[in-house]
């Protein structure tokens, strides 16, 4: 699972967010707090960028379909903060 981390940026954004969430949770289970922080920060940043992009699409009245994700965008954003906090506590 951890070997997958180097390939995460090659995925589409919706899959990147799921991958980052899974990587952060796996690292948390393995008590790798520095890696949890890194993945959590990256997850929050990506969720913010995706939100801004979706908002821009809506404001420009483009007929593009919204990005399909397994979870709501706020879940990725919130989990990024929760994982970061949990890593800092340990």
PDB file of N, CA and C in Angstrom:
ATOM      1  N   UNK A   1       0.829  -1.200   0.000  1.00  0.00           N
ATOM      2  CA  UNK A   1       0.000   0.000   0.000  1.00  0.00           C
ATOM      3  C   UNK A   1       0.867   1.255   0.000  1.00  0.00           C
ATOM      4  N   UNK A   2       1.903   1.274   0.823  1.00  0.00           N
ATOM      5  CA  UNK A   2       2.736   2.465   0.920  1.00  0.00           C
ATOM      6  C   UNK A   2       3.534   2.666  -0.370  1.00  0.00           C
ATOM      7  N   UNK A   3       3.868   1.617  -1.058  1.00  0.00           N
ATOM      8  CA  UNK A   3       4.598   1.741  -2.321  1.00  0.00           C
ATOM      9  C   UNK A   3       3.768   2.465  -3.368  1.00  0.00           C
ATOM     10  N   UNK A   4       2.484   2.423  -3.208  1.00  0.00           N
ATOM     11  CA  UNK A   4       1.569   3.085  -4.127  1.00  0.00           C
ATOM     12  C   UNK A   4       1.696   4.604  -4.044  1.00  0.00           C
ATOM     13  N   UNK A   5       2.158   5.119  -2.920  1.00  0.00           N
ATOM     14  CA  UNK A   5       2.205   6.557  -2.677  1.00  0.00           C
ATOM     15  C   UNK A   5       2.895   7.362  -3.753  1.00  0.00           C
ATOM     16  N   UNK A   6       3.927   6.819  -4.353  1.00  0.00           N
ATOM     17  CA  UNK A   6       4.667   7.585  -5.355  1.00  0.00           C
ATOM     18  C   UNK A   6       3.887   7.762  -6.656  1.00  0.00           C
ATOM     19  N   UNK A   7       2.870   6.950  -6.873  1.00  0.00           N
ATOM     20  CA  UNK A   7       2.084   7.013  -8.107  1.00  0.00           C
ATOM     21  C   UNK A   7       0.788   7.805  -7.961  1.00  0.00           C
ATOM     22  N   UNK A   8       0.499   8.313  -6.787  1.00  0.00           N
ATOM     23  CA  UNK A   8      -0.797   8.933  -6.518  1.00  0.00           C
ATOM     24  C   UNK A   8      -1.079  10.146  -7.395  1.00  0.00           C
ATOM     25  N   UNK A   9      -0.053  10.878  -7.789  1.00  0.00           N
ATOM     26  CA  UNK A   9      -0.269  12.101  -8.575  1.00  0.00           C
ATOM     27  C   UNK A   9      -0.596  11.816 -10.035  1.00  0.00           C
ATOM     28  N   UNK A  10      -0.470  10.574 -10.445  1.00  0.00           N
ATOM     29  CA  UNK A  10      -0.804  10.207 -11.823  1.00  0.00           C
ATOM     30  C   UNK A  10      -2.293   9.906 -11.986  1.00  0.00           C
ATOM     31  N   UNK A  11      -2.998   9.812 -10.886  1.00  0.00           N
ATOM     32  CA  UNK A  11      -4.427   9.485 -10.916  1.00  0.00           C
ATOM     33  C   UNK A  11      -5.262  10.731 -11.190  1.00  0.00           C
ATOM     34  N   UNK A  12      -6.492  10.545 -11.667  1.00  0.00           N
ATOM     35  CA  UNK A  12      -7.414  11.689 -11.761  1.00  0.00           C
ATOM     36  C   UNK A  12      -7.697  12.232 -10.357  1.00  0.00           C
ATOM     37  N   UNK A  13      -8.105  13.486 -10.278  1.00  0.00           N
ATOM     38  CA  UNK A  13      -8.271  14.146  -8.982  1.00  0.00           C
ATOM     39  C   UNK A  13      -9.212  13.406  -8.041  1.00  0.00           C
ATOM     40  N   UNK A  14     -10.316  12.880  -8.571  1.00  0.00           N
ATOM     41  CA  UNK A  14     -11.265  12.190  -7.686  1.00  0.00           C
ATOM     42  C   UNK A  14     -10.628  10.943  -7.071  1.00  0.00           C
ATOM     43  N   UNK A  15      -9.813  10.239  -7.828  1.00  0.00           N
ATOM     44  CA  UNK A  15      -9.138   9.058  -7.293  1.00  0.00           C
ATOM     45  C   UNK A  15      -7.949   9.447  -6.414  1.00  0.00           C
ATOM     46  N   UNK A  16      -7.331  10.584  -6.715  1.00  0.00           N
ATOM     47  CA  UNK A  16      -6.233  11.064  -5.874  1.00  0.00           C
ATOM     48  C   UNK A  16      -6.709  11.314  -4.448  1.00  0.00           C
ATOM     49  N   UNK A  17      -7.887  11.915  -4.318  1.00  0.00           N
ATOM     50  CA  UNK A  17      -8.394  12.207  -2.974  1.00  0.00           C
ATOM     51  C   UNK A  17      -8.649  10.924  -2.195  1.00  0.00           C
ATOM     52  N   UNK A  18      -9.232   9.926  -2.846  1.00  0.00           N
ATOM     53  CA  UNK A  18      -9.445   8.642  -2.176  1.00  0.00           C
ATOM     54  C   UNK A  18      -8.116   7.988  -1.816  1.00  0.00           C
ATOM     55  N   UNK A  19      -7.161   8.058  -2.730  1.00  0.00           N
ATOM     56  CA  UNK A  19      -5.848   7.462  -2.483  1.00  0.00           C
ATOM     57  C   UNK A  19      -5.156   8.147  -1.309  1.00  0.00           C
ATOM     58  N   UNK A  20      -5.205   9.465  -1.262  1.00  0.00           N
ATOM     59  CA  UNK A  20      -4.582  10.195  -0.159  1.00  0.00           C
ATOM     60  C   UNK A  20      -5.243   9.858   1.171  1.00  0.00           C
ATOM     61  N   UNK A  21      -6.547   9.743   1.161  1.00  0.00           N
ATOM     62  CA  UNK A  21      -7.267   9.382   2.381  1.00  0.00           C
ATOM     63  C   UNK A  21      -6.860   7.993   2.857  1.00  0.00           C
ATOM     64  N   UNK A  22      -6.779   7.051   1.944  1.00  0.00           N
ATOM     65  CA  UNK A  22      -6.375   5.690   2.313  1.00  0.00           C
ATOM     66  C   UNK A  22      -4.919   5.639   2.764  1.00  0.00           C
ATOM     67  N   UNK A  23      -4.046   6.366   2.078  1.00  0.00           N
ATOM     68  CA  UNK A  23      -2.638   6.399   2.471  1.00  0.00           C
ATOM     69  C   UNK A  23      -2.475   6.992   3.865  1.00  0.00           C
ATOM     70  N   UNK A  24      -3.163   8.085   4.129  1.00  0.00           N
ATOM     71  CA  UNK A  24      -3.067   8.727   5.441  1.00  0.00           C
ATOM     72  C   UNK A  24      -3.590   7.801   6.538  1.00  0.00           C
ATOM     73  N   UNK A  25      -4.703   7.132   6.295  1.00  0.00           N
ATOM     74  CA  UNK A  25      -5.247   6.204   7.292  1.00  0.00           C
ATOM     75  C   UNK A  25      -4.318   5.017   7.522  1.00  0.00           C
ATOM     76  N   UNK A  26      -3.714   4.512   6.462  1.00  0.00           N
ATOM     77  CA  UNK A  26      -2.780   3.393   6.596  1.00  0.00           C
ATOM     78  C   UNK A  26      -1.547   3.818   7.380  1.00  0.00           C
ATOM     79  N   UNK A  27      -1.010   4.981   7.054  1.00  0.00           N
ATOM     80  CA  UNK A  27       0.159   5.482   7.784  1.00  0.00           C
ATOM     81  C   UNK A  27      -0.179   5.730   9.250  1.00  0.00           C
ATOM     82  N   UNK A  28      -1.385   6.194   9.509  1.00  0.00           N
ATOM     83  CA  UNK A  28      -1.806   6.409  10.896  1.00  0.00           C
ATOM     84  C   UNK A  28      -1.824   5.083  11.649  1.00  0.00           C
ATOM     85  N   UNK A  29      -2.310   4.036  11.011  1.00  0.00           N
ATOM     86  CA  UNK A  29      -2.337   2.708  11.633  1.00  0.00           C
ATOM     87  C   UNK A  29      -0.934   2.206  11.931  1.00  0.00           C
ATOM     88  N   UNK A  30       0.010   2.602  11.092  1.00  0.00           N
ATOM     89  CA  UNK A  30       1.402   2.169  11.257  1.00  0.00           C
ATOM     90  C   UNK A  30       2.215   3.140  12.115  1.00  0.00           C
ATOM     91  N   UNK A  31       1.550   4.157  12.667  1.00  0.00           N
ATOM     92  CA  UNK A  31       2.178   5.164  13.531  1.00  0.00           C
ATOM     93  C   UNK A  31       3.288   5.930  12.811  1.00  0.00           C
ATOM     94  N   UNK A  32       3.073   6.242  11.558  1.00  0.00           N
ATOM     95  CA  UNK A  32       4.014   7.049  10.773  1.00  0.00           C
ATOM     96  C   UNK A  32       3.448   8.471  10.691  1.00  0.00           C
ATOM     97  N   UNK A  33       3.592   9.188  11.787  1.00  0.00           N
ATOM     98  CA  UNK A  33       2.931  10.485  11.934  1.00  0.00           C
ATOM     99  C   UNK A  33       3.393  11.524  10.919  1.00  0.00           C
ATOM    100  N   UNK A  34       4.668  11.529  10.577  1.00  0.00           N
ATOM    101  CA  UNK A  34       5.165  12.512   9.605  1.00  0.00           C
ATOM    102  C   UNK A  34       4.506  12.303   8.244  1.00  0.00           C
ATOM    103  N   UNK A  35       4.337  11.057   7.864  1.00  0.00           N
ATOM    104  CA  UNK A  35       3.691  10.764   6.582  1.00  0.00           C
ATOM    105  C   UNK A  35       2.199  11.093   6.631  1.00  0.00           C
ATOM    106  N   UNK A  36       1.575  10.851   7.780  1.00  0.00           N
ATOM    107  CA  UNK A  36       0.153  11.196   7.932  1.00  0.00           C
ATOM    108  C   UNK A  36      -0.028  12.696   7.730  1.00  0.00           C
ATOM    109  N   UNK A  37       0.844  13.486   8.356  1.00  0.00           N
ATOM    110  CA  UNK A  37       0.773  14.940   8.200  1.00  0.00           C
ATOM    111  C   UNK A  37       0.907  15.345   6.739  1.00  0.00           C
ATOM    112  N   UNK A  38       1.878  14.751   6.057  1.00  0.00           N
ATOM    113  CA  UNK A  38       2.128  15.083   4.648  1.00  0.00           C
ATOM    114  C   UNK A  38       0.904  14.764   3.789  1.00  0.00           C
ATOM    115  N   UNK A  39       0.360  13.564   3.948  1.00  0.00           N
ATOM    116  CA  UNK A  39      -0.796  13.166   3.144  1.00  0.00           C
ATOM    117  C   UNK A  39      -2.041  13.970   3.518  1.00  0.00           C
ATOM    118  N   UNK A  40      -2.199  14.287   4.799  1.00  0.00           N
ATOM    119  CA  UNK A  40      -3.354  15.077   5.239  1.00  0.00           C
ATOM    120  C   UNK A  40      -3.298  16.486   4.652  1.00  0.00           C
ATOM    121  N   UNK A  41      -2.115  17.091   4.668  1.00  0.00           N
ATOM    122  CA  UNK A  41      -1.964  18.425   4.073  1.00  0.00           C
ATOM    123  C   UNK A  41      -2.261  18.390   2.579  1.00  0.00           C
ATOM    124  N   UNK A  42      -1.748  17.370   1.921  1.00  0.00           N
ATOM    125  CA  UNK A  42      -1.973  17.228   0.484  1.00  0.00           C
ATOM    126  C   UNK A  42      -3.460  17.003   0.183  1.00  0.00           C
ATOM    127  N   UNK A  43      -4.123  16.236   1.027  1.00  0.00           N
ATOM    128  CA  UNK A  43      -5.553  15.969   0.853  1.00  0.00           C
ATOM    129  C   UNK A  43      -6.370  17.249   1.001  1.00  0.00           C
ATOM    130  N   UNK A  44      -6.074  18.035   2.017  1.00  0.00           N
ATOM    131  CA  UNK A  44      -6.795  19.293   2.216  1.00  0.00           C
ATOM    132  C   UNK A  44      -6.560  20.256   1.058  1.00  0.00           C
ATOM    133  N   UNK A  45      -5.318  20.323   0.613  1.00  0.00           N
ATOM    134  CA  UNK A  45      -4.988  21.213  -0.496  1.00  0.00           C
ATOM    135  C   UNK A  45      -5.718  20.790  -1.772  1.00  0.00           C
ATOM    136  N   UNK A  46      -5.713  19.502  -2.054  1.00  0.00           N
ATOM    137  CA  UNK A  46      -6.384  19.001  -3.256  1.00  0.00           C
ATOM    138  C   UNK A  46      -7.895  19.210  -3.166  1.00  0.00           C
ATOM    139  N   UNK A  47      -8.482  18.957  -2.006  1.00  0.00           N
ATOM    140  CA  UNK A  47      -9.925  19.160  -1.831  1.00  0.00           C
ATOM    141  C   UNK A  47     -10.287  20.627  -2.037  1.00  0.00           C
ATOM    142  N   UNK A  48      -9.445  21.525  -1.561  1.00  0.00           N
ATOM    143  CA  UNK A  48      -9.680  22.957  -1.750  1.00  0.00           C
ATOM    144  C   UNK A  48      -9.606  23.331  -3.224  1.00  0.00           C
ATOM    145  N   UNK A  49      -8.604  22.814  -3.921  1.00  0.00           N
ATOM    146  CA  UNK A  49      -8.461  23.103  -5.354  1.00  0.00           C
ATOM    147  C   UNK A  49      -9.637  22.559  -6.162  1.00  0.00           C
ATOM    148  N   UNK A  50     -10.069  21.359  -5.833  1.00  0.00           N
ATOM    149  CA  UNK A  50     -11.206  20.760  -6.536  1.00  0.00           C
ATOM    150  C   UNK A  50     -12.467  21.583  -6.277  1.00  0.00           C
ATOM    151  N   UNK A  51     -12.664  22.010  -5.032  1.00  0.00           N
ATOM    152  CA  UNK A  51     -13.829  22.831  -4.703  1.00  0.00           C
ATOM    153  C   UNK A  51     -13.813  24.135  -5.500  1.00  0.00           C
ATOM    154  N   UNK A  52     -12.657  24.798  -5.536  1.00  0.00           N
ATOM    155  CA  UNK A  52     -12.552  26.056  -6.272  1.00  0.00           C
ATOM    156  C   UNK A  52     -12.816  25.849  -7.762  1.00  0.00           C
ATOM    157  N   UNK A  53     -12.323  24.749  -8.299  1.00  0.00           N
ATOM    158  CA  UNK A  53     -12.548  24.445  -9.709  1.00  0.00           C
ATOM    159  C   UNK A  53     -14.032  24.180  -9.985  1.00  0.00           C
ATOM    160  N   UNK A  54     -14.677  23.427  -9.104  1.00  0.00           N
ATOM    161  CA  UNK A  54     -16.109  23.146  -9.269  1.00  0.00           C
ATOM    162  C   UNK A  54     -16.932  24.426  -9.144  1.00  0.00           C
ATOM    163  N   UNK A  55     -16.547  25.287  -8.219  1.00  0.00           N
ATOM    164  CA  UNK A  55     -17.239  26.563  -8.037  1.00  0.00           C
ATOM    165  C   UNK A  55     -17.083  27.434  -9.282  1.00  0.00           C
ATOM    166  N   UNK A  56     -15.886  27.456  -9.842  1.00  0.00           N
ATOM    167  CA  UNK A  56     -15.621  28.233 -11.056  1.00  0.00           C
ATOM    168  C   UNK A  56     -16.464  27.719 -12.226  1.00  0.00           C
ATOM    169  N   UNK A  57     -16.581  26.404 -12.334  1.00  0.00           N
ATOM    170  CA  UNK A  57     -17.409  25.823 -13.399  1.00  0.00           C
ATOM    171  C   UNK A  57     -18.860  26.276 -13.259  1.00  0.00           C
ATOM    172  N   UNK A  58     -19.338  26.269 -12.016  1.00  0.00           N
ATOM    173  CA  UNK A  58     -20.724  26.656 -11.755  1.00  0.00           C
ATOM    174  C   UNK A  58     -20.955  28.130 -12.070  1.00  0.00           C
ATOM    175  N   UNK A  59     -20.011  28.970 -11.672  1.00  0.00           N
ATOM    176  CA  UNK A  59     -20.157  30.410 -11.887  1.00  0.00           C
ATOM    177  C   UNK A  59     -20.092  30.777 -13.362  1.00  0.00           C
ATOM    178  N   UNK A  60     -19.344  30.020 -14.128  1.00  0.00           N
ATOM    179  CA  UNK A  60     -19.223  30.291 -15.563  1.00  0.00           C
ATOM    180  C   UNK A  60     -20.330  29.620 -16.365  1.00  0.00           C
ATOM    181  N   UNK A  61     -21.254  28.980 -15.669  1.00  0.00           N
ATOM    182  CA  UNK A  61     -22.378  28.276 -16.301  1.00  0.00           C
ATOM    183  C   UNK A  61     -21.925  27.306 -17.383  1.00  0.00           C
ATOM    184  N   UNK A  62     -20.803  26.682 -17.141  1.00  0.00           N
ATOM    185  CA  UNK A  62     -20.336  25.670 -18.085  1.00  0.00           C
ATOM    186  C   UNK A  62     -21.157  24.412 -17.884  1.00  0.00           C
ATOM    187  N   UNK A  63     -21.396  23.713 -18.943  1.00  0.00           N
ATOM    188  CA  UNK A  63     -22.224  22.518 -18.883  1.00  0.00           C
ATOM    189  C   UNK A  63     -21.471  21.284 -18.429  1.00  0.00           C
ATOM    190  N   UNK A  64     -20.289  21.481 -17.861  1.00  0.00           N
ATOM    191  CA  UNK A  64     -19.492  20.339 -17.421  1.00  0.00           C
ATOM    192  C   UNK A  64     -20.176  19.605 -16.278  1.00  0.00           C
ATOM    193  N   UNK A  65     -20.018  18.308 -16.286  1.00  0.00           N
ATOM    194  CA  UNK A  65     -20.541  17.491 -15.187  1.00  0.00           C
ATOM    195  C   UNK A  65     -19.676  17.716 -13.950  1.00  0.00           C
ATOM    196  N   UNK A  66     -20.267  17.708 -12.773  1.00  0.00           N
ATOM    197  CA  UNK A  66     -19.447  17.826 -11.560  1.00  0.00           C
ATOM    198  C   UNK A  66     -18.555  16.596 -11.401  1.00  0.00           C
ATOM    199  N   UNK A  67     -17.449  16.786 -10.733  1.00  0.00           N
ATOM    200  CA  UNK A  67     -16.500  15.703 -10.504  1.00  0.00           C
ATOM    201  C   UNK A  67     -17.160  14.620  -9.659  1.00  0.00           C
ATOM    202  N   UNK A  68     -17.098  13.389 -10.122  1.00  0.00           N
ATOM    203  CA  UNK A  68     -17.691  12.259  -9.396  1.00  0.00           C
ATOM    204  C   UNK A  68     -16.679  11.745  -8.373  1.00  0.00           C
ATOM    205  N   UNK A  69     -17.073  11.767  -7.114  1.00  0.00           N
ATOM    206  CA  UNK A  69     -16.219  11.253  -6.042  1.00  0.00           C
ATOM    207  C   UNK A  69     -16.995  10.227  -5.228  1.00  0.00           C
ATOM    208  N   UNK A  70     -16.277   9.362  -4.541  1.00  0.00           N
ATOM    209  CA  UNK A  70     -16.925   8.353  -3.705  1.00  0.00           C
ATOM    210  C   UNK A  70     -17.616   8.981  -2.499  1.00  0.00           C
ATOM    211  N   UNK A  71     -17.050  10.068  -2.013  1.00  0.00           N
ATOM    212  CA  UNK A  71     -17.596  10.761  -0.843  1.00  0.00           C
ATOM    213  C   UNK A  71     -17.832  12.226  -1.212  1.00  0.00           C
ATOM    214  N   UNK A  72     -18.565  12.924  -0.361  1.00  0.00           N
ATOM    215  CA  UNK A  72     -18.743  14.355  -0.575  1.00  0.00           C
ATOM    216  C   UNK A  72     -17.399  15.052  -0.385  1.00  0.00           C
ATOM    217  N   UNK A  73     -17.219  16.147  -1.069  1.00  0.00           N
ATOM    218  CA  UNK A  73     -15.961  16.880  -1.022  1.00  0.00           C
ATOM    219  C   UNK A  73     -15.602  17.324   0.394  1.00  0.00           C
ATOM    220  N   UNK A  74     -16.601  17.668   1.179  1.00  0.00           N
ATOM    221  CA  UNK A  74     -16.350  18.117   2.547  1.00  0.00           C
ATOM    222  C   UNK A  74     -15.754  16.993   3.407  1.00  0.00           C
ATOM    223  N   UNK A  75     -16.027  15.748   3.060  1.00  0.00           N
ATOM    224  CA  UNK A  75     -15.465  14.613   3.800  1.00  0.00           C
ATOM    225  C   UNK A  75     -13.951  14.602   3.649  1.00  0.00           C
ATOM    226  N   UNK A  76     -13.467  14.790   2.427  1.00  0.00           N
ATOM    227  CA  UNK A  76     -12.019  14.798   2.202  1.00  0.00           C
ATOM    228  C   UNK A  76     -11.370  15.972   2.928  1.00  0.00           C
ATOM    229  N   UNK A  77     -12.014  17.120   2.856  1.00  0.00           N
ATOM    230  CA  UNK A  77     -11.500  18.320   3.510  1.00  0.00           C
ATOM    231  C   UNK A  77     -11.441  18.119   5.028  1.00  0.00           C
ATOM    232  N   UNK A  78     -12.536  17.642   5.599  1.00  0.00           N
ATOM    233  CA  UNK A  78     -12.593  17.421   7.043  1.00  0.00           C
ATOM    234  C   UNK A  78     -11.661  16.325   7.512  1.00  0.00           C
ATOM    235  N   UNK A  79     -11.576  15.246   6.756  1.00  0.00           N
ATOM    236  CA  UNK A  79     -10.670  14.154   7.126  1.00  0.00           C
ATOM    237  C   UNK A  79      -9.218  14.617   7.092  1.00  0.00           C
ATOM    238  N   UNK A  80      -8.896  15.511   6.176  1.00  0.00           N
ATOM    239  CA  UNK A  80      -7.543  16.067   6.140  1.00  0.00           C
ATOM    240  C   UNK A  80      -7.208  16.765   7.443  1.00  0.00           C
ATOM    241  N   UNK A  81      -8.145  17.560   7.952  1.00  0.00           N
ATOM    242  CA  UNK A  81      -7.920  18.242   9.228  1.00  0.00           C
ATOM    243  C   UNK A  81      -7.875  17.255  10.397  1.00  0.00           C
ATOM    244  N   UNK A  82      -8.779  16.286  10.406  1.00  0.00           N
ATOM    245  CA  UNK A  82      -8.799  15.308  11.499  1.00  0.00           C
ATOM    246  C   UNK A  82      -7.522  14.476  11.544  1.00  0.00           C
ATOM    247  N   UNK A  83      -7.071  14.035  10.389  1.00  0.00           N
ATOM    248  CA  UNK A  83      -5.845  13.235  10.338  1.00  0.00           C
ATOM    249  C   UNK A  83      -4.628  14.060  10.741  1.00  0.00           C
ATOM    250  N   UNK A  84      -4.581  15.305  10.320  1.00  0.00           N
ATOM    251  CA  UNK A  84      -3.474  16.191  10.702  1.00  0.00           C
ATOM    252  C   UNK A  84      -3.455  16.373  12.215  1.00  0.00           C
ATOM    253  N   UNK A  85      -4.610  16.628  12.802  1.00  0.00           N
ATOM    254  CA  UNK A  85      -4.693  16.811  14.252  1.00  0.00           C
ATOM    255  C   UNK A  85      -4.292  15.542  14.992  1.00  0.00           C
ATOM    256  N   UNK A  86      -4.763  14.402  14.528  1.00  0.00           N
ATOM    257  CA  UNK A  86      -4.428  13.129  15.177  1.00  0.00           C
ATOM    258  C   UNK A  86      -2.933  12.853  15.097  1.00  0.00           C
ATOM    259  N   UNK A  87      -2.323  13.179  13.978  1.00  0.00           N
ATOM    260  CA  UNK A  87      -0.883  12.962  13.825  1.00  0.00           C
ATOM    261  C   UNK A  87      -0.093  13.883  14.746  1.00  0.00           C
ATOM    262  N   UNK A  88      -0.550  15.112  14.905  1.00  0.00           N
ATOM    263  CA  UNK A  88       0.158  16.055  15.766  1.00  0.00           C
ATOM    264  C   UNK A  88       0.022  15.704  17.244  1.00  0.00           C
ATOM    265  N   UNK A  89      -1.090  15.083  17.611  1.00  0.00           N
ATOM    266  CA  UNK A  89      -1.304  14.687  19.005  1.00  0.00           C
ATOM    267  C   UNK A  89      -0.363  13.554  19.392  1.00  0.00           C
ATOM    268  N   UNK A  90      -0.105  12.655  18.447  1.00  0.00           N
ATOM    269  CA  UNK A  90       0.773  11.521  18.749  1.00  0.00           C
ATOM    270  C   UNK A  90       2.160  11.973  18.763  1.00  0.00           C
TER     271      UNK A  90
END
